[in-house]
Every structure is written in structure tokens, then in C-alpha cells.
Amino acid sequence: MRLDKLLSHTGFGSRKEVKPLLKSGAVVVNGTIQKDSKMQVNPDKDEITVHGTPVVYQEFVYFMLHKPQNVVSATEDSVSETVIDLLAQEDTLTNPFPVGRLDKDTEGLLIITNDGTLAHNLLSPKKHIDKTYYAKIDGEVLLEDVKAFAEGIALDDGYICKPARLEIINPNEIKVTIQEGKFHQVKRMFAARGKTVSYLKRISMGQLQLDESLELGEYRPLTETELAILQNK
């Protein structure tokens, strides 16, 4: 990796901004002052400091976000605030993105990373990753609905959903677990049963549970145990 790219990715400014830093002699690689922005370095092997402070490079980042309503699951949007806008600037340097999406008015667990392989595995239909939601329903949820969800709901466009697990907490509150991620899927599944979802929150993805200590809009790095869960290690 080029030295200026490394410095840029670790929070020292844009490539243009780090050039004066290099010219000032503040950057030391393996004990030698380096002023060449094009120098190739290995972040895992080379010892690099700026003004004596070690430069720590992390290739991949993994965050758990408690997504609030009215925020778009995208990296950028010309109208609405995005989940990336909720991150501190230093946590955006490696160009992270949301894994999948939650509707604008849906809250809950969202993984943000720059690891494309992990994102693909979590979203691939072949992986059969469970996604569990808590919802409030306008209309009474009945045992007949539980049976219908288990058999596969037909959406308004004719698509037949895979069997889903519906748990009734009380007639107006439920948990539902699906393995797909069709557009507005949970809302459309209930609409097919003549009911309306008034509140929706994703509480788990696979074996990963939302950290309920996170306030809406807050996020934190995944722990090693949580990451291993997602990576099936």
C-alpha cells in the first residue's frame, strides 16, 4: 500500500493533506524519516509513526448499529440522513456500508462493515440466515396467521415467501423470523393477512442479538465473539 494512502485511511487527512505532513519529516517508517508519498509499505510488518505516535491500520471494520427511524440504509442520499452519517468521521475512512437494508421507518440491528465477503455471506439466500423482528400490529394476530406464515405467505406480486416462524406475544405484538429480505417483506406479509404493521424492529440476525444497551442511533464495534458468530467460526 502507498504510504499516503495508509495515512489517509488512518485519519491523517486526504492524500493531498498528508503530503505536507510527509514533507515536514513527521513520518517515520522503520526508524527512517520518509517523505515519499508513493513509498510502498506493509501495514502488518512495517513500523510507522507520525510525530512519534504509532499508526494503526485496520483493513476491515465491523460495527453494530441500533438504527433509528427516518434514517436510510445507504452510504449516501441526496435527501435523507443515512446510517453512515451516524458514524464518527474516523469510522468512515475505510468506506463502510450497511449489510442489507432496513426500511426508513424500521428500527433495530444493522451491521455496518467494509468486508464484502462477510456481507455477501450474510445476505446470500443460500446461507439461510434467520432475521428476527419484533412488531406491533394493527389488528389481532391469530393462530391461523401463525399457520399461514409457516406455510408460506403469498405477497401482493404473487411471490410465495419461504416458511416463516411467527410467535404471538399478545394479539397485537409478535416476533417473526424470516430468511429472506424482500422489499417491505414483513409489512407485506401481514398486509396479505389483512393486518398493518405499525412498528417494526429487527432484534437479531443469525445468532447475533441486538445490544439493547445501545440507544437509537448509537453503534459500537462487534466483539471478537460476535464477529466469530457472523463468520460461523
C-alpha atoms as a PDB file:
ATOM      1  CA  MET A   1       0.000   0.000   0.000  1.00  0.00           C
ATOM      2  CA  ARG A   2       1.208   3.513  -0.772  1.00  0.00           C
ATOM      3  CA  LEU A   3       2.284   5.450   2.283  1.00  0.00           C
ATOM      4  CA  ASP A   4      -0.040   8.380   1.560  1.00  0.00           C
ATOM      5  CA  LYS A   5      -2.994   6.004   1.165  1.00  0.00           C
ATOM      6  CA  LEU A   6      -2.224   4.369   4.504  1.00  0.00           C
ATOM      7  CA  LEU A   7      -2.003   7.718   6.265  1.00  0.00           C
ATOM      8  CA  SER A   8      -5.241   8.845   4.652  1.00  0.00           C
ATOM      9  CA  HIS A   9      -7.045   5.657   5.714  1.00  0.00           C
ATOM     10  CA  THR A  10      -5.875   6.045   9.286  1.00  0.00           C
ATOM     11  CA  GLY A  11      -7.235   9.542   9.784  1.00  0.00           C
ATOM     12  CA  PHE A  12      -4.435  11.911   8.843  1.00  0.00           C
ATOM     13  CA  GLY A  13      -6.388  13.641   6.091  1.00  0.00           C
ATOM     14  CA  SER A  14      -6.798  13.267   2.366  1.00  0.00           C
ATOM     15  CA  ARG A  15      -3.838  12.218   0.233  1.00  0.00           C
ATOM     16  CA  LYS A  16      -3.344  15.868  -0.658  1.00  0.00           C
ATOM     17  CA  GLU A  17      -3.420  16.838   3.005  1.00  0.00           C
ATOM     18  CA  VAL A  18      -0.846  14.250   4.102  1.00  0.00           C
ATOM     19  CA  LYS A  19       1.797  15.419   1.622  1.00  0.00           C
ATOM     20  CA  PRO A  20       2.827  18.420   3.781  1.00  0.00           C
ATOM     21  CA  LEU A  21       2.947  16.041   6.745  1.00  0.00           C
ATOM     22  CA  LEU A  22       5.400  13.840   4.861  1.00  0.00           C
ATOM     23  CA  LYS A  23       7.488  16.790   3.674  1.00  0.00           C
ATOM     24  CA  SER A  24       7.781  18.050   7.260  1.00  0.00           C
ATOM     25  CA  GLY A  25       9.605  14.877   8.270  1.00  0.00           C
ATOM     26  CA  ALA A  26       6.918  13.839  10.757  1.00  0.00           C
ATOM     27  CA  VAL A  27       6.501  10.372   9.252  1.00  0.00           C
ATOM     28  CA  VAL A  28       8.961   7.656  10.186  1.00  0.00           C
ATOM     29  CA  VAL A  29       8.995   4.167   8.648  1.00  0.00           C
ATOM     30  CA  ASN A  30      11.100   1.512  10.355  1.00  0.00           C
ATOM     31  CA  GLY A  31      13.185   4.166  12.069  1.00  0.00           C
ATOM     32  CA  THR A  32      13.821   6.275   8.958  1.00  0.00           C
ATOM     33  CA  ILE A  33      12.116   9.561   8.052  1.00  0.00           C
ATOM     34  CA  GLN A  34      10.153   9.096   4.844  1.00  0.00           C
ATOM     35  CA  LYS A  35       8.963  11.947   2.634  1.00  0.00           C
ATOM     36  CA  ASP A  36       7.987   9.962  -0.482  1.00  0.00           C
ATOM     37  CA  SER A  37       4.191   9.663  -0.604  1.00  0.00           C
ATOM     38  CA  LYS A  38       4.456   6.866  -3.190  1.00  0.00           C
ATOM     39  CA  MET A  39       6.559   4.614  -0.986  1.00  0.00           C
ATOM     40  CA  GLN A  40       5.089   1.108  -0.672  1.00  0.00           C
ATOM     41  CA  VAL A  41       4.577  -0.082   2.899  1.00  0.00           C
ATOM     42  CA  ASN A  42       3.144  -3.177   4.547  1.00  0.00           C
ATOM     43  CA  PRO A  43       0.856  -2.121   7.429  1.00  0.00           C
ATOM     44  CA  ASP A  44       1.212  -5.555   9.042  1.00  0.00           C
ATOM     45  CA  LYS A  45       5.014  -5.590   9.056  1.00  0.00           C
ATOM     46  CA  ASP A  46       6.364  -2.050   8.824  1.00  0.00           C
ATOM     47  CA  GLU A  47       6.586   0.158  11.908  1.00  0.00           C
ATOM     48  CA  ILE A  48       5.166   3.550  11.007  1.00  0.00           C
ATOM     49  CA  THR A  49       4.820   6.592  13.262  1.00  0.00           C
ATOM     50  CA  VAL A  50       3.592  10.162  12.853  1.00  0.00           C
ATOM     51  CA  HIS A  51       5.105  12.653  15.317  1.00  0.00           C
ATOM     52  CA  GLY A  52       6.196   9.593  17.285  1.00  0.00           C
ATOM     53  CA  THR A  53       2.717   8.062  17.534  1.00  0.00           C
ATOM     54  CA  PRO A  54       2.316   4.569  16.010  1.00  0.00           C
ATOM     55  CA  VAL A  55      -0.002   4.313  13.019  1.00  0.00           C
ATOM     56  CA  VAL A  56      -2.527   1.511  13.463  1.00  0.00           C
ATOM     57  CA  TYR A  57      -4.183   0.252  10.288  1.00  0.00           C
ATOM     58  CA  GLN A  58      -7.315  -1.885  10.323  1.00  0.00           C
ATOM     59  CA  GLU A  59      -8.315  -3.353   6.960  1.00  0.00           C
ATOM     60  CA  PHE A  60     -11.844  -4.318   7.945  1.00  0.00           C
ATOM     61  CA  VAL A  61     -14.253  -2.678  10.364  1.00  0.00           C
ATOM     62  CA  TYR A  62     -17.357  -4.248  11.879  1.00  0.00           C
ATOM     63  CA  PHE A  63     -19.984  -2.208  13.692  1.00  0.00           C
ATOM     64  CA  MET A  64     -23.335  -2.970  15.280  1.00  0.00           C
ATOM     65  CA  LEU A  65     -25.752  -0.060  14.870  1.00  0.00           C
ATOM     66  CA  HIS A  66     -29.097   0.425  16.580  1.00  0.00           C
ATOM     67  CA  LYS A  67     -30.777   2.040  13.603  1.00  0.00           C
ATOM     68  CA  PRO A  68     -33.396   4.683  14.364  1.00  0.00           C
ATOM     69  CA  GLN A  69     -36.404   5.577  12.242  1.00  0.00           C
ATOM     70  CA  ASN A  70     -36.160   8.204   9.484  1.00  0.00           C
ATOM     71  CA  VAL A  71     -32.619   7.160   8.576  1.00  0.00           C
ATOM     72  CA  VAL A  72     -31.861   5.497   5.242  1.00  0.00           C
ATOM     73  CA  SER A  73     -29.853   2.267   4.995  1.00  0.00           C
ATOM     74  CA  ALA A  74     -27.454   3.587   2.363  1.00  0.00           C
ATOM     75  CA  THR A  75     -23.987   5.082   2.084  1.00  0.00           C
ATOM     76  CA  GLU A  76     -25.330   8.353   0.686  1.00  0.00           C
ATOM     77  CA  ASP A  77     -28.651  10.003  -0.056  1.00  0.00           C
ATOM     78  CA  SER A  78     -29.408  13.415  -1.502  1.00  0.00           C
ATOM     79  CA  VAL A  79     -32.445  13.962   0.721  1.00  0.00           C
ATOM     80  CA  SER A  80     -32.326  11.901   3.918  1.00  0.00           C
ATOM     81  CA  GLU A  81     -29.776  11.181   6.624  1.00  0.00           C
ATOM     82  CA  THR A  82     -28.046   7.839   6.122  1.00  0.00           C
ATOM     83  CA  VAL A  83     -26.738   5.255   8.566  1.00  0.00           C
ATOM     84  CA  ILE A  84     -23.206   6.215   7.528  1.00  0.00           C
ATOM     85  CA  ASP A  85     -23.928   9.797   8.611  1.00  0.00           C
ATOM     86  CA  LEU A  86     -24.373   8.413  12.136  1.00  0.00           C
ATOM     87  CA  LEU A  87     -20.741   7.254  12.271  1.00  0.00           C
ATOM     88  CA  ALA A  88     -17.859   9.305  13.608  1.00  0.00           C
ATOM     89  CA  GLN A  89     -15.626  10.602  10.806  1.00  0.00           C
ATOM     90  CA  GLU A  90     -12.740   8.329  11.783  1.00  0.00           C
ATOM     91  CA  ASP A  91     -15.019   5.305  11.409  1.00  0.00           C
ATOM     92  CA  THR A  92     -15.876   6.192   7.807  1.00  0.00           C
ATOM     93  CA  LEU A  93     -12.300   6.249   6.493  1.00  0.00           C
ATOM     94  CA  THR A  94     -12.433   2.669   5.152  1.00  0.00           C
ATOM     95  CA  ASN A  95     -15.705   3.287   3.286  1.00  0.00           C
ATOM     96  CA  PRO A  96     -18.029   1.026   5.299  1.00  0.00           C
ATOM     97  CA  PHE A  97     -21.549   0.202   4.129  1.00  0.00           C
ATOM     98  CA  PRO A  98     -24.697  -1.311   5.655  1.00  0.00           C
ATOM     99  CA  VAL A  99     -25.194  -5.060   5.263  1.00  0.00           C
ATOM    100  CA  GLY A 100     -28.577  -5.197   3.578  1.00  0.00           C
ATOM    101  CA  ARG A 101     -31.162  -2.644   4.496  1.00  0.00           C
ATOM    102  CA  LEU A 102     -33.819  -1.778   6.994  1.00  0.00           C
ATOM    103  CA  ASP A 103     -36.748   0.318   5.806  1.00  0.00           C
ATOM    104  CA  LYS A 104     -36.564   4.009   6.625  1.00  0.00           C
ATOM    105  CA  ASP A 105     -39.216   3.673   9.333  1.00  0.00           C
ATOM    106  CA  THR A 106     -37.806   0.414  10.754  1.00  0.00           C
ATOM    107  CA  GLU A 107     -35.536   0.337  13.781  1.00  0.00           C
ATOM    108  CA  GLY A 108     -33.081  -2.197  15.088  1.00  0.00           C
ATOM    109  CA  LEU A 109     -29.997  -4.237  14.371  1.00  0.00           C
ATOM    110  CA  LEU A 110     -27.886  -3.244  11.381  1.00  0.00           C
ATOM    111  CA  ILE A 111     -24.360  -4.417  10.647  1.00  0.00           C
ATOM    112  CA  ILE A 112     -22.000  -1.914   9.047  1.00  0.00           C
ATOM    113  CA  THR A 113     -18.713  -3.104   7.570  1.00  0.00           C
ATOM    114  CA  ASN A 114     -16.349  -2.801   4.622  1.00  0.00           C
ATOM    115  CA  ASP A 115     -15.931  -6.585   4.424  1.00  0.00           C
ATOM    116  CA  GLY A 116     -17.650  -7.515   1.177  1.00  0.00           C
ATOM    117  CA  THR A 117     -17.211 -11.249   1.685  1.00  0.00           C
ATOM    118  CA  LEU A 118     -18.955 -11.202   5.056  1.00  0.00           C
ATOM    119  CA  ALA A 119     -21.749  -9.026   3.689  1.00  0.00           C
ATOM    120  CA  HIS A 120     -22.296 -11.391   0.765  1.00  0.00           C
ATOM    121  CA  ASN A 121     -22.436 -14.408   3.056  1.00  0.00           C
ATOM    122  CA  LEU A 122     -24.938 -12.758   5.392  1.00  0.00           C
ATOM    123  CA  LEU A 123     -27.201 -11.720   2.527  1.00  0.00           C
ATOM    124  CA  SER A 124     -26.938 -14.816   0.335  1.00  0.00           C
ATOM    125  CA  PRO A 125     -30.241 -16.746   0.163  1.00  0.00           C
ATOM    126  CA  LYS A 126     -28.199 -19.947   0.090  1.00  0.00           C
ATOM    127  CA  LYS A 127     -26.959 -19.271   3.632  1.00  0.00           C
ATOM    128  CA  HIS A 128     -30.481 -19.262   5.153  1.00  0.00           C
ATOM    129  CA  ILE A 129     -29.649 -16.581   7.721  1.00  0.00           C
ATOM    130  CA  ASP A 130     -32.537 -16.021  10.137  1.00  0.00           C
ATOM    131  CA  LYS A 131     -33.648 -12.430  10.710  1.00  0.00           C
ATOM    132  CA  THR A 132     -35.967 -11.894  13.654  1.00  0.00           C
ATOM    133  CA  TYR A 133     -38.189  -8.866  14.085  1.00  0.00           C
ATOM    134  CA  TYR A 134     -40.396  -7.544  16.850  1.00  0.00           C
ATOM    135  CA  ALA A 135     -43.534  -5.841  15.590  1.00  0.00           C
ATOM    136  CA  LYS A 136     -46.686  -4.133  16.758  1.00  0.00           C
ATOM    137  CA  ILE A 137     -49.717  -4.933  14.653  1.00  0.00           C
ATOM    138  CA  ASP A 138     -52.931  -3.046  13.983  1.00  0.00           C
ATOM    139  CA  GLY A 139     -55.324  -5.983  14.016  1.00  0.00           C
ATOM    140  CA  GLU A 140     -55.500  -9.141  16.083  1.00  0.00           C
ATOM    141  CA  VAL A 141     -52.913 -11.792  15.252  1.00  0.00           C
ATOM    142  CA  LEU A 142     -54.423 -15.287  15.405  1.00  0.00           C
ATOM    143  CA  LEU A 143     -53.196 -18.868  15.406  1.00  0.00           C
ATOM    144  CA  GLU A 144     -54.426 -19.036  11.813  1.00  0.00           C
ATOM    145  CA  ASP A 145     -51.827 -16.395  10.967  1.00  0.00           C
ATOM    146  CA  VAL A 146     -49.104 -18.478  12.619  1.00  0.00           C
ATOM    147  CA  LYS A 147     -50.098 -21.415  10.421  1.00  0.00           C
ATOM    148  CA  ALA A 148     -50.218 -19.273   7.272  1.00  0.00           C
ATOM    149  CA  PHE A 149     -46.745 -17.854   7.933  1.00  0.00           C
ATOM    150  CA  ALA A 150     -45.392 -21.365   8.473  1.00  0.00           C
ATOM    151  CA  GLU A 151     -46.847 -22.500   5.159  1.00  0.00           C
ATOM    152  CA  GLY A 152     -45.556 -19.508   3.179  1.00  0.00           C
ATOM    153  CA  ILE A 153     -47.329 -16.203   2.633  1.00  0.00           C
ATOM    154  CA  ALA A 154     -48.221 -15.123  -0.907  1.00  0.00           C
ATOM    155  CA  LEU A 155     -47.281 -11.462  -1.413  1.00  0.00           C
ATOM    156  CA  ASP A 156     -49.188  -8.942  -3.494  1.00  0.00           C
ATOM    157  CA  ASP A 157     -46.961  -9.600  -6.518  1.00  0.00           C
ATOM    158  CA  GLY A 158     -47.569 -13.353  -6.386  1.00  0.00           C
ATOM    159  CA  TYR A 159     -44.236 -14.227  -4.758  1.00  0.00           C
ATOM    160  CA  ILE A 160     -44.524 -17.083  -2.267  1.00  0.00           C
ATOM    161  CA  CYS A 161     -42.389 -16.433   0.806  1.00  0.00           C
ATOM    162  CA  LYS A 162     -40.361 -19.173   2.397  1.00  0.00           C
ATOM    163  CA  PRO A 163     -41.905 -20.553   5.597  1.00  0.00           C
ATOM    164  CA  ALA A 164     -41.593 -18.049   8.458  1.00  0.00           C
ATOM    165  CA  ARG A 165     -41.853 -18.518  12.209  1.00  0.00           C
ATOM    166  CA  LEU A 166     -44.485 -16.265  13.794  1.00  0.00           C
ATOM    167  CA  GLU A 167     -44.677 -16.013  17.586  1.00  0.00           C
ATOM    168  CA  ILE A 168     -47.617 -14.257  19.243  1.00  0.00           C
ATOM    169  CA  ILE A 169     -46.584 -12.245  22.317  1.00  0.00           C
ATOM    170  CA  ASN A 170     -50.101 -10.876  22.637  1.00  0.00           C
ATOM    171  CA  PRO A 171     -52.772 -10.293  19.965  1.00  0.00           C
ATOM    172  CA  ASN A 172     -51.107  -7.026  18.875  1.00  0.00           C
ATOM    173  CA  GLU A 173     -47.418  -7.843  19.420  1.00  0.00           C
ATOM    174  CA  ILE A 174     -45.395 -10.516  17.675  1.00  0.00           C
ATOM    175  CA  LYS A 175     -41.959 -11.816  16.799  1.00  0.00           C
ATOM    176  CA  VAL A 176     -41.401 -13.088  13.293  1.00  0.00           C
ATOM    177  CA  THR A 177     -38.368 -14.839  11.852  1.00  0.00           C
ATOM    178  CA  ILE A 178     -37.717 -14.853   8.106  1.00  0.00           C
ATOM    179  CA  GLN A 179     -34.786 -15.930   5.936  1.00  0.00           C
ATOM    180  CA  GLU A 180     -35.365 -13.540   3.059  1.00  0.00           C
ATOM    181  CA  GLY A 181     -35.192  -9.804   2.599  1.00  0.00           C
ATOM    182  CA  LYS A 182     -37.779  -8.819   0.041  1.00  0.00           C
ATOM    183  CA  PHE A 183     -38.815  -5.173  -0.167  1.00  0.00           C
ATOM    184  CA  HIS A 184     -41.059  -4.349   2.835  1.00  0.00           C
ATOM    185  CA  GLN A 185     -41.416  -8.099   3.312  1.00  0.00           C
ATOM    186  CA  VAL A 186     -42.726  -8.266   6.885  1.00  0.00           C
ATOM    187  CA  LYS A 187     -45.204  -5.463   6.239  1.00  0.00           C
ATOM    188  CA  ARG A 188     -46.401  -7.107   3.035  1.00  0.00           C
ATOM    189  CA  MET A 189     -46.745 -10.492   4.728  1.00  0.00           C
ATOM    190  CA  PHE A 190     -49.079  -9.029   7.313  1.00  0.00           C
ATOM    191  CA  ALA A 191     -50.889  -6.985   4.673  1.00  0.00           C
ATOM    192  CA  ALA A 192     -51.640 -10.294   2.925  1.00  0.00           C
ATOM    193  CA  ARG A 193     -53.398 -11.323   6.141  1.00  0.00           C
ATOM    194  CA  GLY A 194     -55.380  -8.090   6.296  1.00  0.00           C
ATOM    195  CA  LYS A 195     -53.269  -6.505   9.035  1.00  0.00           C
ATOM    196  CA  THR A 196     -50.974  -3.477   9.272  1.00  0.00           C
ATOM    197  CA  VAL A 197     -47.553  -3.266  10.887  1.00  0.00           C
ATOM    198  CA  SER A 198     -47.417  -0.089  12.974  1.00  0.00           C
ATOM    199  CA  TYR A 199     -43.927  -0.606  14.431  1.00  0.00           C
ATOM    200  CA  LEU A 200     -41.057  -2.824  13.287  1.00  0.00           C
ATOM    201  CA  LYS A 201     -37.685  -3.544  14.856  1.00  0.00           C
ATOM    202  CA  ARG A 202     -35.033  -6.101  13.897  1.00  0.00           C
ATOM    203  CA  ILE A 203     -33.723  -7.748  17.042  1.00  0.00           C
ATOM    204  CA  SER A 204     -31.386 -10.419  15.681  1.00  0.00           C
ATOM    205  CA  MET A 205     -29.541 -11.610  12.604  1.00  0.00           C
ATOM    206  CA  GLY A 206     -28.461 -15.222  12.713  1.00  0.00           C
ATOM    207  CA  GLN A 207     -27.248 -15.795  16.270  1.00  0.00           C
ATOM    208  CA  LEU A 208     -26.258 -12.145  16.692  1.00  0.00           C
ATOM    209  CA  GLN A 209     -28.566 -10.262  19.051  1.00  0.00           C
ATOM    210  CA  LEU A 210     -29.071  -6.504  19.115  1.00  0.00           C
ATOM    211  CA  ASP A 211     -27.286  -4.971  22.096  1.00  0.00           C
ATOM    212  CA  GLU A 212     -30.237  -3.341  23.828  1.00  0.00           C
ATOM    213  CA  SER A 213     -27.879  -1.088  25.796  1.00  0.00           C
ATOM    214  CA  LEU A 214     -27.276   0.823  22.557  1.00  0.00           C
ATOM    215  CA  GLU A 215     -29.574   3.816  22.310  1.00  0.00           C
ATOM    216  CA  LEU A 216     -31.221   4.563  18.980  1.00  0.00           C
ATOM    217  CA  GLY A 217     -28.546   5.922  16.645  1.00  0.00           C
ATOM    218  CA  GLU A 218     -25.672   4.532  18.712  1.00  0.00           C
ATOM    219  CA  TYR A 219     -23.187   1.938  17.483  1.00  0.00           C
ATOM    220  CA  ARG A 220     -20.134   0.045  18.639  1.00  0.00           C
ATOM    221  CA  PRO A 221     -17.545  -2.360  17.203  1.00  0.00           C
ATOM    222  CA  LEU A 222     -18.500  -6.011  17.210  1.00  0.00           C
ATOM    223  CA  THR A 223     -16.736  -8.076  19.830  1.00  0.00           C
ATOM    224  CA  GLU A 224     -14.478 -10.914  18.683  1.00  0.00           C
ATOM    225  CA  THR A 225     -17.143 -13.373  19.840  1.00  0.00           C
ATOM    226  CA  GLU A 226     -19.876 -11.598  17.865  1.00  0.00           C
ATOM    227  CA  LEU A 227     -17.722 -11.448  14.751  1.00  0.00           C
ATOM    228  CA  ALA A 228     -16.946 -15.153  15.066  1.00  0.00           C
ATOM    229  CA  ILE A 229     -20.698 -15.809  15.273  1.00  0.00           C
ATOM    230  CA  LEU A 230     -21.255 -13.973  11.989  1.00  0.00           C
ATOM    231  CA  GLN A 231     -18.307 -15.712  10.371  1.00  0.00           C
ATOM    232  CA  ASN A 232     -19.551 -19.102  11.641  1.00  0.00           C
ATOM    233  CA  LYS A 233     -16.266 -19.791  13.381  1.00  0.00           C
END
